[in-house]
Amino acid sequence: MLLIYYDPQSLFVTPHYESYPGVIVRLRTVDTAHLHELLLEAWKTVAPKQVVREWEGRERK
């Protein structure tokens, strides 16, 4: 839950979601670049490795 400490104004959990592996995001207050980074890193953890490698290869070009 380090994310919550990084940006407590934008990232939080409610008691109902404390056991879930994620956070709730206040879209009105979150920095869009930070949100992009968070979503990209989250996607990389669940996407097939080959797809991630292909995507990363396109980003470098």
C-alpha atoms as a PDB file:
ATOM      1  CA  MET A   1       0.000   0.000   0.000  1.00  0.00           C
ATOM      2  CA  LEU A   2       2.898   2.358  -0.541  1.00  0.00           C
ATOM      3  CA  LEU A   3       0.913   4.010  -3.305  1.00  0.00           C
ATOM      4  CA  ILE A   4      -1.519   5.428  -0.788  1.00  0.00           C
ATOM      5  CA  TYR A   5       1.293   7.084   1.132  1.00  0.00           C
ATOM      6  CA  TYR A   6       2.770   8.485  -2.077  1.00  0.00           C
ATOM      7  CA  ASP A   7      -0.397  10.384  -3.005  1.00  0.00           C
ATOM      8  CA  PRO A   8      -3.059  10.138  -0.277  1.00  0.00           C
ATOM      9  CA  GLN A   9      -5.147  12.883  -1.880  1.00  0.00           C
ATOM     10  CA  SER A  10      -5.658  10.774  -5.003  1.00  0.00           C
ATOM     11  CA  LEU A  11      -5.127   7.153  -3.955  1.00  0.00           C
ATOM     12  CA  PHE A  12      -7.027   5.435  -1.171  1.00  0.00           C
ATOM     13  CA  VAL A  13      -8.927   2.337  -0.085  1.00  0.00           C
ATOM     14  CA  THR A  14     -12.135   1.918   1.826  1.00  0.00           C
ATOM     15  CA  PRO A  15     -12.564  -0.773   4.477  1.00  0.00           C
ATOM     16  CA  HIS A  16     -14.449  -2.926   1.976  1.00  0.00           C
ATOM     17  CA  TYR A  17     -11.440  -3.018  -0.380  1.00  0.00           C
ATOM     18  CA  GLU A  18      -8.620  -3.362   2.165  1.00  0.00           C
ATOM     19  CA  SER A  19      -8.041  -7.000   1.232  1.00  0.00           C
ATOM     20  CA  TYR A  20      -8.060  -6.324  -2.534  1.00  0.00           C
ATOM     21  CA  PRO A  21      -4.775  -5.944  -4.439  1.00  0.00           C
ATOM     22  CA  GLY A  22      -5.518  -2.434  -5.652  1.00  0.00           C
ATOM     23  CA  VAL A  23      -6.408   1.107  -4.763  1.00  0.00           C
ATOM     24  CA  ILE A  24      -9.190   3.540  -5.589  1.00  0.00           C
ATOM     25  CA  VAL A  25      -8.202   6.604  -7.608  1.00  0.00           C
ATOM     26  CA  ARG A  26      -9.730  10.072  -7.380  1.00  0.00           C
ATOM     27  CA  LEU A  27      -9.574  11.029 -11.035  1.00  0.00           C
ATOM     28  CA  ARG A  28     -10.119  14.718 -10.321  1.00  0.00           C
ATOM     29  CA  THR A  29      -6.963  14.978  -8.244  1.00  0.00           C
ATOM     30  CA  VAL A  30      -4.545  12.407  -9.634  1.00  0.00           C
ATOM     31  CA  ASP A  31      -1.668  13.583 -11.792  1.00  0.00           C
ATOM     32  CA  THR A  32      -2.337  12.187 -15.262  1.00  0.00           C
ATOM     33  CA  ALA A  33       1.297  11.256 -15.876  1.00  0.00           C
ATOM     34  CA  HIS A  34       1.374   9.368 -12.586  1.00  0.00           C
ATOM     35  CA  LEU A  35      -1.892   7.613 -13.419  1.00  0.00           C
ATOM     36  CA  HIS A  36      -0.507   6.611 -16.816  1.00  0.00           C
ATOM     37  CA  GLU A  37       2.571   5.153 -15.138  1.00  0.00           C
ATOM     38  CA  LEU A  38       0.483   3.247 -12.578  1.00  0.00           C
ATOM     39  CA  LEU A  39      -1.833   1.795 -15.208  1.00  0.00           C
ATOM     40  CA  LEU A  40       1.048   0.796 -17.441  1.00  0.00           C
ATOM     41  CA  GLU A  41       2.875  -0.964 -14.617  1.00  0.00           C
ATOM     42  CA  ALA A  42      -0.325  -2.722 -13.558  1.00  0.00           C
ATOM     43  CA  TRP A  43      -0.959  -3.867 -17.128  1.00  0.00           C
ATOM     44  CA  LYS A  44       2.576  -5.230 -17.390  1.00  0.00           C
ATOM     45  CA  THR A  45       1.980  -7.472 -14.382  1.00  0.00           C
ATOM     46  CA  VAL A  46      -1.013  -9.212 -15.973  1.00  0.00           C
ATOM     47  CA  ALA A  47      -0.354  -9.026 -19.717  1.00  0.00           C
ATOM     48  CA  PRO A  48       1.308 -11.942 -21.489  1.00  0.00           C
ATOM     49  CA  LYS A  49       5.088 -11.520 -21.396  1.00  0.00           C
ATOM     50  CA  GLN A  50       5.362 -11.660 -25.187  1.00  0.00           C
ATOM     51  CA  VAL A  51       2.833  -8.847 -25.566  1.00  0.00           C
ATOM     52  CA  VAL A  52       4.731  -6.715 -23.057  1.00  0.00           C
ATOM     53  CA  ARG A  53       8.017  -7.326 -24.898  1.00  0.00           C
ATOM     54  CA  GLU A  54       6.404  -6.368 -28.207  1.00  0.00           C
ATOM     55  CA  TRP A  55       4.903  -3.223 -26.702  1.00  0.00           C
ATOM     56  CA  GLU A  56       8.194  -2.236 -25.098  1.00  0.00           C
ATOM     57  CA  GLY A  57       9.962  -2.792 -28.422  1.00  0.00           C
ATOM     58  CA  ARG A  58       7.592  -0.362 -30.140  1.00  0.00           C
ATOM     59  CA  GLU A  59       8.078   2.234 -27.412  1.00  0.00           C
ATOM     60  CA  ARG A  60      11.855   2.269 -27.929  1.00  0.00           C
ATOM     61  CA  LYS A  61      11.599   3.056 -31.641  1.00  0.00           C
END
